[in-house]
Structures are given as structure tokens and as C-alpha cells.
Amino acid sequence: MYPPELVKPMREDLTSIGFEELHTVDKVDEAIARKGTTLVVVNSVCGCAAANARPAARMSLQNTKRPDHLVTVFAGVDKEATDKARDYMVPFPPSSPSMALFRDGELVHMLERHHIEGRPAEIIADNLTEAYNEFC
């Protein structure tokens, strides 16, 4: 587990733009069960989360169509909540960072770490906005 003071700015990268942090299994279940579209970002301390995933999430929200709900879990910090979120992402293996778009509780789009690592944030944001345009 990472110290709270270390991950605070990484959490704020997402919460400052409207993401709700999910710290418990029950909160994850509630978030996924919501009607409409929900973007789940599995946040991480790794460099590709800082350089690619979080900036891409921010850029993608400039799109006209966007998810109804924005939520995040933090890998290596909120273990149970992260594991529960990943249960909803099956058949995709656990990876962080990752991003999943749900519509009415159904997984409709997934970006795994290998889609994020080494790719510019703009490309990742474009991928997300295409998913928003299709499903939101």
C-alpha cells in the first residue's frame, strides 16, 4: 500500500475534474449499477498513469458527448474496491492503469494498460471520445 501523502496529488488529478473516488466494494457496486454511462478509471502510481492515462481522461471530457458518471479506484491503495471494479471488467485481465466504460451496468468499452502505456494521451483520449460518441 502506498502512503496517502504520496497518492494524494495523483487522486486529485481525477477528483479535481469531477471523478468520484470509490473506496469500498459497496460503492463500486452502486456506481456500476447506475443507469446511464459510467467511466471507471483504475488509477495507478506508475508513469504511464501520470503521463498518459490521467491526461487522456481529462482531454476526453472536452467532448460534447461524455459519460453520465465518472468514477475511479486506485490500484495499490484501495485493494478491495479495485478488485471489485476489475471483477466487472472480466474477461479482461487486471491491469493498471485501465479505463472501462459501462452503459446500464454492462461493459461496452475497455482500455487496458497495453492500450495506454507508450501511447500519447491524445491518442488515448481520441479512443475514449469515439467510445463516448458511440455509447453515451
N, C-alpha and C. Protein backbone atom coordinates (compact mmCIF):
# COMPACT_ATOMS: atom_id res chain seq x y z
N MET A 1 0.84 -1.18 0.00
CA MET A 1 0.00 0.00 0.00
C MET A 1 0.88 1.24 0.00
N TYR A 2 0.44 2.22 -0.70
CA TYR A 2 1.19 3.47 -0.80
C TYR A 2 0.74 4.46 0.27
N PRO A 3 1.65 5.29 0.76
CA PRO A 3 1.27 6.29 1.76
C PRO A 3 0.30 7.31 1.17
N PRO A 4 -0.68 7.73 1.96
CA PRO A 4 -1.69 8.69 1.48
C PRO A 4 -1.09 9.97 0.91
N GLU A 5 -0.02 10.47 1.53
CA GLU A 5 0.57 11.73 1.04
C GLU A 5 1.21 11.56 -0.34
N LEU A 6 1.64 10.35 -0.65
CA LEU A 6 2.22 10.09 -1.97
C LEU A 6 1.15 10.09 -3.07
N VAL A 7 0.01 9.48 -2.80
CA VAL A 7 -1.01 9.34 -3.84
C VAL A 7 -2.00 10.50 -3.89
N LYS A 8 -1.96 11.37 -2.90
CA LYS A 8 -2.91 12.50 -2.86
C LYS A 8 -2.93 13.30 -4.17
N PRO A 9 -1.79 13.74 -4.70
CA PRO A 9 -1.86 14.51 -5.94
C PRO A 9 -2.33 13.67 -7.14
N MET A 10 -2.06 12.38 -7.10
CA MET A 10 -2.49 11.50 -8.19
C MET A 10 -4.01 11.30 -8.13
N ARG A 11 -4.55 11.23 -6.94
CA ARG A 11 -6.00 11.15 -6.78
C ARG A 11 -6.64 12.45 -7.28
N GLU A 12 -6.03 13.58 -6.88
CA GLU A 12 -6.59 14.89 -7.21
C GLU A 12 -6.55 15.18 -8.71
N ASP A 13 -5.65 14.52 -9.44
CA ASP A 13 -5.66 14.67 -10.90
C ASP A 13 -7.03 14.33 -11.47
N LEU A 14 -7.69 13.37 -10.86
CA LEU A 14 -9.01 12.95 -11.34
C LEU A 14 -10.15 13.59 -10.55
N THR A 15 -10.04 13.65 -9.24
CA THR A 15 -11.15 14.22 -8.46
C THR A 15 -11.34 15.70 -8.77
N SER A 16 -10.28 16.39 -9.12
CA SER A 16 -10.40 17.83 -9.42
C SER A 16 -11.18 18.10 -10.71
N ILE A 17 -11.38 17.06 -11.53
CA ILE A 17 -12.15 17.23 -12.76
C ILE A 17 -13.48 16.48 -12.70
N GLY A 18 -13.88 16.09 -11.48
CA GLY A 18 -15.22 15.54 -11.30
C GLY A 18 -15.33 14.05 -11.07
N PHE A 19 -14.21 13.33 -10.99
CA PHE A 19 -14.27 11.90 -10.72
C PHE A 19 -14.57 11.66 -9.24
N GLU A 20 -15.43 10.69 -9.00
CA GLU A 20 -15.77 10.26 -7.65
C GLU A 20 -14.88 9.07 -7.29
N GLU A 21 -14.22 9.15 -6.15
CA GLU A 21 -13.38 8.04 -5.70
C GLU A 21 -14.25 6.98 -5.04
N LEU A 22 -13.97 5.73 -5.40
CA LEU A 22 -14.69 4.60 -4.81
C LEU A 22 -13.70 3.85 -3.92
N HIS A 23 -13.98 3.83 -2.63
CA HIS A 23 -13.05 3.22 -1.67
C HIS A 23 -13.53 1.87 -1.16
N THR A 24 -14.78 1.51 -1.44
CA THR A 24 -15.32 0.26 -0.90
C THR A 24 -15.98 -0.55 -2.00
N VAL A 25 -16.14 -1.83 -1.72
CA VAL A 25 -16.83 -2.74 -2.63
C VAL A 25 -18.26 -2.26 -2.87
N ASP A 26 -18.95 -1.85 -1.81
CA ASP A 26 -20.34 -1.40 -1.95
C ASP A 26 -20.45 -0.18 -2.86
N LYS A 27 -19.51 0.74 -2.74
CA LYS A 27 -19.53 1.94 -3.59
C LYS A 27 -19.30 1.56 -5.06
N VAL A 28 -18.44 0.58 -5.31
CA VAL A 28 -18.22 0.11 -6.69
C VAL A 28 -19.50 -0.50 -7.24
N ASP A 29 -20.13 -1.36 -6.45
CA ASP A 29 -21.38 -1.98 -6.89
C ASP A 29 -22.44 -0.92 -7.21
N GLU A 30 -22.57 0.07 -6.35
CA GLU A 30 -23.53 1.15 -6.56
C GLU A 30 -23.22 1.93 -7.84
N ALA A 31 -21.95 2.22 -8.06
CA ALA A 31 -21.55 3.01 -9.23
C ALA A 31 -21.83 2.26 -10.53
N ILE A 32 -21.50 0.99 -10.58
CA ILE A 32 -21.71 0.22 -11.80
C ILE A 32 -23.19 0.02 -12.06
N ALA A 33 -24.00 -0.06 -11.03
CA ALA A 33 -25.45 -0.29 -11.18
C ALA A 33 -26.22 0.95 -11.64
N ARG A 34 -25.59 2.09 -11.65
CA ARG A 34 -26.29 3.32 -12.05
C ARG A 34 -26.76 3.23 -13.50
N LYS A 35 -27.89 3.86 -13.75
CA LYS A 35 -28.39 3.98 -15.12
C LYS A 35 -27.52 4.98 -15.87
N GLY A 36 -27.40 4.79 -17.16
CA GLY A 36 -26.59 5.67 -17.98
C GLY A 36 -25.19 5.11 -18.16
N THR A 37 -24.28 5.98 -18.53
CA THR A 37 -22.90 5.56 -18.79
C THR A 37 -21.98 5.96 -17.64
N THR A 38 -21.03 5.08 -17.35
CA THR A 38 -20.09 5.30 -16.26
C THR A 38 -18.69 4.97 -16.75
N LEU A 39 -17.79 5.93 -16.63
CA LEU A 39 -16.38 5.70 -16.93
C LEU A 39 -15.69 5.37 -15.62
N VAL A 40 -15.00 4.21 -15.60
CA VAL A 40 -14.22 3.80 -14.45
C VAL A 40 -12.75 3.87 -14.83
N VAL A 41 -11.99 4.66 -14.11
CA VAL A 41 -10.55 4.73 -14.31
C VAL A 41 -9.87 4.02 -13.14
N VAL A 42 -9.09 3.00 -13.47
CA VAL A 42 -8.25 2.35 -12.47
C VAL A 42 -6.95 3.15 -12.44
N ASN A 43 -6.80 3.97 -11.43
CA ASN A 43 -5.66 4.86 -11.29
C ASN A 43 -4.47 4.08 -10.74
N SER A 44 -3.29 4.64 -10.92
CA SER A 44 -2.06 3.95 -10.53
C SER A 44 -0.96 4.98 -10.29
N VAL A 45 0.08 4.55 -9.57
CA VAL A 45 1.23 5.42 -9.33
C VAL A 45 2.23 5.37 -10.47
N CYS A 46 2.05 4.50 -11.43
CA CYS A 46 3.05 4.31 -12.48
C CYS A 46 3.14 5.54 -13.41
N GLY A 47 4.22 5.61 -14.12
CA GLY A 47 4.46 6.73 -15.03
C GLY A 47 3.46 6.82 -16.15
N CYS A 48 2.97 5.69 -16.64
CA CYS A 48 2.00 5.77 -17.76
C CYS A 48 0.65 6.27 -17.28
N ALA A 49 0.35 6.15 -16.00
CA ALA A 49 -0.87 6.75 -15.47
C ALA A 49 -0.71 8.27 -15.45
N ALA A 50 0.47 8.73 -15.03
CA ALA A 50 0.73 10.17 -14.93
C ALA A 50 0.85 10.83 -16.29
N ALA A 51 1.57 10.19 -17.20
CA ALA A 51 1.85 10.81 -18.49
C ALA A 51 0.78 10.55 -19.54
N ASN A 52 0.03 9.46 -19.38
CA ASN A 52 -0.89 9.05 -20.44
C ASN A 52 -2.34 8.95 -19.98
N ALA A 53 -2.60 8.13 -18.97
CA ALA A 53 -3.98 7.81 -18.60
C ALA A 53 -4.74 9.01 -18.03
N ARG A 54 -4.21 9.62 -16.99
CA ARG A 54 -4.94 10.74 -16.38
C ARG A 54 -5.08 11.93 -17.32
N PRO A 55 -4.02 12.32 -18.05
CA PRO A 55 -4.22 13.40 -19.03
C PRO A 55 -5.23 13.02 -20.12
N ALA A 56 -5.24 11.77 -20.55
CA ALA A 56 -6.21 11.33 -21.57
C ALA A 56 -7.63 11.42 -21.04
N ALA A 57 -7.82 11.00 -19.80
CA ALA A 57 -9.16 11.10 -19.21
C ALA A 57 -9.62 12.55 -19.19
N ARG A 58 -8.71 13.45 -18.80
CA ARG A 58 -9.05 14.88 -18.76
C ARG A 58 -9.40 15.39 -20.17
N MET A 59 -8.57 15.07 -21.16
CA MET A 59 -8.81 15.53 -22.53
C MET A 59 -10.12 14.98 -23.08
N SER A 60 -10.41 13.73 -22.79
CA SER A 60 -11.60 13.10 -23.36
C SER A 60 -12.88 13.78 -22.90
N LEU A 61 -12.85 14.42 -21.76
CA LEU A 61 -14.05 15.06 -21.22
C LEU A 61 -14.37 16.38 -21.90
N GLN A 62 -13.51 16.81 -22.82
CA GLN A 62 -13.80 18.01 -23.61
C GLN A 62 -14.79 17.71 -24.73
N ASN A 63 -15.09 16.45 -24.95
CA ASN A 63 -16.00 16.00 -25.99
C ASN A 63 -17.44 16.43 -25.66
N THR A 64 -18.23 16.66 -26.69
CA THR A 64 -19.64 17.02 -26.49
C THR A 64 -20.39 15.91 -25.76
N LYS A 65 -20.23 14.69 -26.22
CA LYS A 65 -20.82 13.55 -25.54
C LYS A 65 -19.80 13.02 -24.55
N ARG A 66 -20.27 12.73 -23.35
CA ARG A 66 -19.38 12.23 -22.31
C ARG A 66 -20.19 11.37 -21.34
N PRO A 67 -19.51 10.58 -20.54
CA PRO A 67 -20.24 9.69 -19.61
C PRO A 67 -21.07 10.47 -18.60
N ASP A 68 -22.14 9.83 -18.16
CA ASP A 68 -23.00 10.43 -17.14
C ASP A 68 -22.31 10.45 -15.78
N HIS A 69 -21.48 9.44 -15.54
CA HIS A 69 -20.83 9.27 -14.25
C HIS A 69 -19.34 9.02 -14.45
N LEU A 70 -18.53 9.62 -13.60
CA LEU A 70 -17.07 9.46 -13.64
C LEU A 70 -16.62 8.94 -12.28
N VAL A 71 -15.99 7.76 -12.27
CA VAL A 71 -15.54 7.18 -11.01
C VAL A 71 -14.12 6.64 -11.17
N THR A 72 -13.46 6.47 -10.03
CA THR A 72 -12.10 5.96 -10.05
C THR A 72 -11.83 5.11 -8.82
N VAL A 73 -11.01 4.10 -9.02
CA VAL A 73 -10.44 3.29 -7.94
C VAL A 73 -8.93 3.40 -8.08
N PHE A 74 -8.21 3.18 -6.99
CA PHE A 74 -6.77 3.35 -7.03
C PHE A 74 -6.09 2.02 -6.73
N ALA A 75 -5.44 1.46 -7.74
CA ALA A 75 -4.71 0.20 -7.58
C ALA A 75 -3.56 0.40 -6.61
N GLY A 76 -3.38 -0.55 -5.72
CA GLY A 76 -2.31 -0.46 -4.73
C GLY A 76 -2.67 0.38 -3.53
N VAL A 77 -3.88 0.90 -3.51
CA VAL A 77 -4.33 1.70 -2.37
C VAL A 77 -5.66 1.15 -1.85
N ASP A 78 -6.66 1.16 -2.70
CA ASP A 78 -7.99 0.66 -2.33
C ASP A 78 -8.16 -0.73 -2.93
N LYS A 79 -7.50 -1.70 -2.33
CA LYS A 79 -7.40 -3.04 -2.90
C LYS A 79 -8.76 -3.69 -3.14
N GLU A 80 -9.62 -3.71 -2.14
CA GLU A 80 -10.90 -4.40 -2.29
C GLU A 80 -11.77 -3.71 -3.35
N ALA A 81 -11.81 -2.40 -3.34
CA ALA A 81 -12.59 -1.67 -4.33
C ALA A 81 -12.03 -1.89 -5.74
N THR A 82 -10.73 -1.89 -5.86
CA THR A 82 -10.10 -2.12 -7.17
C THR A 82 -10.39 -3.53 -7.65
N ASP A 83 -10.27 -4.50 -6.77
CA ASP A 83 -10.57 -5.89 -7.16
C ASP A 83 -12.02 -6.03 -7.62
N LYS A 84 -12.93 -5.36 -6.92
CA LYS A 84 -14.35 -5.44 -7.30
C LYS A 84 -14.58 -4.79 -8.65
N ALA A 85 -13.98 -3.64 -8.89
CA ALA A 85 -14.12 -2.98 -10.18
C ALA A 85 -13.60 -3.89 -11.29
N ARG A 86 -12.48 -4.53 -11.04
CA ARG A 86 -11.90 -5.43 -12.04
C ARG A 86 -12.78 -6.64 -12.29
N ASP A 87 -13.54 -7.08 -11.28
CA ASP A 87 -14.48 -8.18 -11.48
C ASP A 87 -15.50 -7.82 -12.57
N TYR A 88 -15.90 -6.57 -12.60
CA TYR A 88 -16.86 -6.12 -13.62
C TYR A 88 -16.21 -6.02 -15.01
N MET A 89 -14.89 -6.01 -15.06
CA MET A 89 -14.17 -5.86 -16.34
C MET A 89 -13.78 -7.20 -16.97
N VAL A 90 -14.15 -8.30 -16.35
CA VAL A 90 -13.88 -9.62 -16.93
C VAL A 90 -14.59 -9.69 -18.28
N PRO A 91 -13.98 -10.18 -19.34
CA PRO A 91 -12.89 -11.14 -19.38
C PRO A 91 -11.50 -10.50 -19.48
N PHE A 92 -11.41 -9.21 -19.34
CA PHE A 92 -10.11 -8.55 -19.44
C PHE A 92 -9.31 -8.79 -18.16
N PRO A 93 -8.04 -9.11 -18.28
CA PRO A 93 -7.23 -9.36 -17.08
C PRO A 93 -6.96 -8.05 -16.34
N PRO A 94 -6.69 -8.14 -15.04
CA PRO A 94 -6.40 -6.94 -14.27
C PRO A 94 -5.19 -6.20 -14.84
N SER A 95 -5.34 -4.90 -14.97
CA SER A 95 -4.21 -4.07 -15.38
C SER A 95 -4.43 -2.66 -14.83
N SER A 96 -3.33 -1.98 -14.59
CA SER A 96 -3.44 -0.60 -14.16
C SER A 96 -2.27 0.17 -14.75
N PRO A 97 -2.58 1.34 -15.25
CA PRO A 97 -3.91 1.91 -15.30
C PRO A 97 -4.77 1.21 -16.35
N SER A 98 -6.06 1.42 -16.24
CA SER A 98 -7.00 0.96 -17.24
C SER A 98 -8.24 1.83 -17.15
N MET A 99 -9.07 1.74 -18.20
CA MET A 99 -10.30 2.53 -18.23
C MET A 99 -11.39 1.68 -18.84
N ALA A 100 -12.56 1.73 -18.21
CA ALA A 100 -13.69 0.93 -18.70
C ALA A 100 -14.93 1.81 -18.76
N LEU A 101 -15.67 1.67 -19.84
CA LEU A 101 -16.93 2.39 -20.00
C LEU A 101 -18.07 1.38 -19.88
N PHE A 102 -19.00 1.70 -18.98
CA PHE A 102 -20.17 0.86 -18.76
C PHE A 102 -21.42 1.64 -19.18
N ARG A 103 -22.38 0.92 -19.72
CA ARG A 103 -23.70 1.52 -20.01
C ARG A 103 -24.73 0.64 -19.33
N ASP A 104 -25.48 1.23 -18.41
CA ASP A 104 -26.50 0.50 -17.65
C ASP A 104 -25.93 -0.78 -17.04
N GLY A 105 -24.71 -0.69 -16.51
CA GLY A 105 -24.08 -1.80 -15.83
C GLY A 105 -23.36 -2.79 -16.72
N GLU A 106 -23.40 -2.60 -18.02
CA GLU A 106 -22.75 -3.52 -18.96
C GLU A 106 -21.46 -2.90 -19.50
N LEU A 107 -20.39 -3.67 -19.48
CA LEU A 107 -19.12 -3.21 -20.03
C LEU A 107 -19.24 -3.08 -21.55
N VAL A 108 -18.99 -1.87 -22.07
CA VAL A 108 -19.12 -1.65 -23.51
C VAL A 108 -17.81 -1.24 -24.18
N HIS A 109 -16.81 -0.83 -23.38
CA HIS A 109 -15.53 -0.40 -23.96
C HIS A 109 -14.45 -0.53 -22.90
N MET A 110 -13.28 -1.01 -23.31
CA MET A 110 -12.20 -1.24 -22.36
C MET A 110 -10.87 -0.80 -22.94
N LEU A 111 -10.09 -0.11 -22.14
CA LEU A 111 -8.71 0.23 -22.46
C LEU A 111 -7.83 -0.38 -21.39
N GLU A 112 -7.02 -1.35 -21.78
CA GLU A 112 -6.10 -1.98 -20.86
C GLU A 112 -4.77 -1.22 -20.85
N ARG A 113 -3.92 -1.58 -19.92
CA ARG A 113 -2.62 -0.92 -19.80
C ARG A 113 -1.86 -0.93 -21.14
N HIS A 114 -1.92 -2.04 -21.86
CA HIS A 114 -1.16 -2.10 -23.13
C HIS A 114 -1.72 -1.16 -24.18
N HIS A 115 -2.96 -0.66 -23.98
CA HIS A 115 -3.52 0.37 -24.86
C HIS A 115 -3.07 1.77 -24.44
N ILE A 116 -2.56 1.88 -23.22
CA ILE A 116 -2.21 3.16 -22.62
C ILE A 116 -0.70 3.39 -22.61
N GLU A 117 0.04 2.40 -22.16
CA GLU A 117 1.49 2.52 -22.00
C GLU A 117 2.16 2.79 -23.34
N GLY A 118 2.95 3.85 -23.40
CA GLY A 118 3.70 4.17 -24.61
C GLY A 118 2.92 4.90 -25.68
N ARG A 119 1.66 5.20 -25.43
CA ARG A 119 0.85 5.93 -26.41
C ARG A 119 0.61 7.35 -25.91
N PRO A 120 0.60 8.30 -26.81
CA PRO A 120 0.33 9.68 -26.39
C PRO A 120 -1.08 9.83 -25.81
N ALA A 121 -1.21 10.70 -24.84
CA ALA A 121 -2.51 10.94 -24.21
C ALA A 121 -3.57 11.32 -25.24
N GLU A 122 -3.16 12.03 -26.28
CA GLU A 122 -4.14 12.46 -27.31
C GLU A 122 -4.76 11.26 -28.02
N ILE A 123 -3.97 10.25 -28.30
CA ILE A 123 -4.47 9.05 -28.97
C ILE A 123 -5.44 8.30 -28.06
N ILE A 124 -5.10 8.21 -26.79
CA ILE A 124 -5.97 7.54 -25.82
C ILE A 124 -7.27 8.33 -25.67
N ALA A 125 -7.17 9.64 -25.59
CA ALA A 125 -8.37 10.49 -25.49
C ALA A 125 -9.25 10.32 -26.72
N ASP A 126 -8.65 10.23 -27.90
CA ASP A 126 -9.43 10.00 -29.12
C ASP A 126 -10.18 8.68 -29.05
N ASN A 127 -9.52 7.65 -28.54
CA ASN A 127 -10.16 6.35 -28.38
C ASN A 127 -11.37 6.48 -27.45
N LEU A 128 -11.19 7.16 -26.34
CA LEU A 128 -12.30 7.35 -25.40
C LEU A 128 -13.43 8.16 -26.01
N THR A 129 -13.11 9.23 -26.72
CA THR A 129 -14.18 10.05 -27.28
C THR A 129 -14.96 9.30 -28.35
N GLU A 130 -14.29 8.42 -29.09
CA GLU A 130 -15.03 7.58 -30.04
C GLU A 130 -16.01 6.68 -29.30
N ALA A 131 -15.58 6.15 -28.17
CA ALA A 131 -16.49 5.31 -27.36
C ALA A 131 -17.64 6.15 -26.80
N TYR A 132 -17.35 7.36 -26.33
CA TYR A 132 -18.42 8.23 -25.83
C TYR A 132 -19.42 8.53 -26.95
N ASN A 133 -18.91 8.81 -28.14
CA ASN A 133 -19.82 9.13 -29.25
C ASN A 133 -20.71 7.95 -29.62
N GLU A 134 -20.21 6.75 -29.42
CA GLU A 134 -21.00 5.56 -29.73
C GLU A 134 -21.96 5.18 -28.61
N PHE A 135 -21.52 5.30 -27.37
CA PHE A 135 -22.31 4.73 -26.27
C PHE A 135 -22.97 5.74 -25.33
N CYS A 136 -22.55 7.00 -25.37
CA CYS A 136 -23.12 7.99 -24.43
C CYS A 136 -24.27 8.77 -25.07
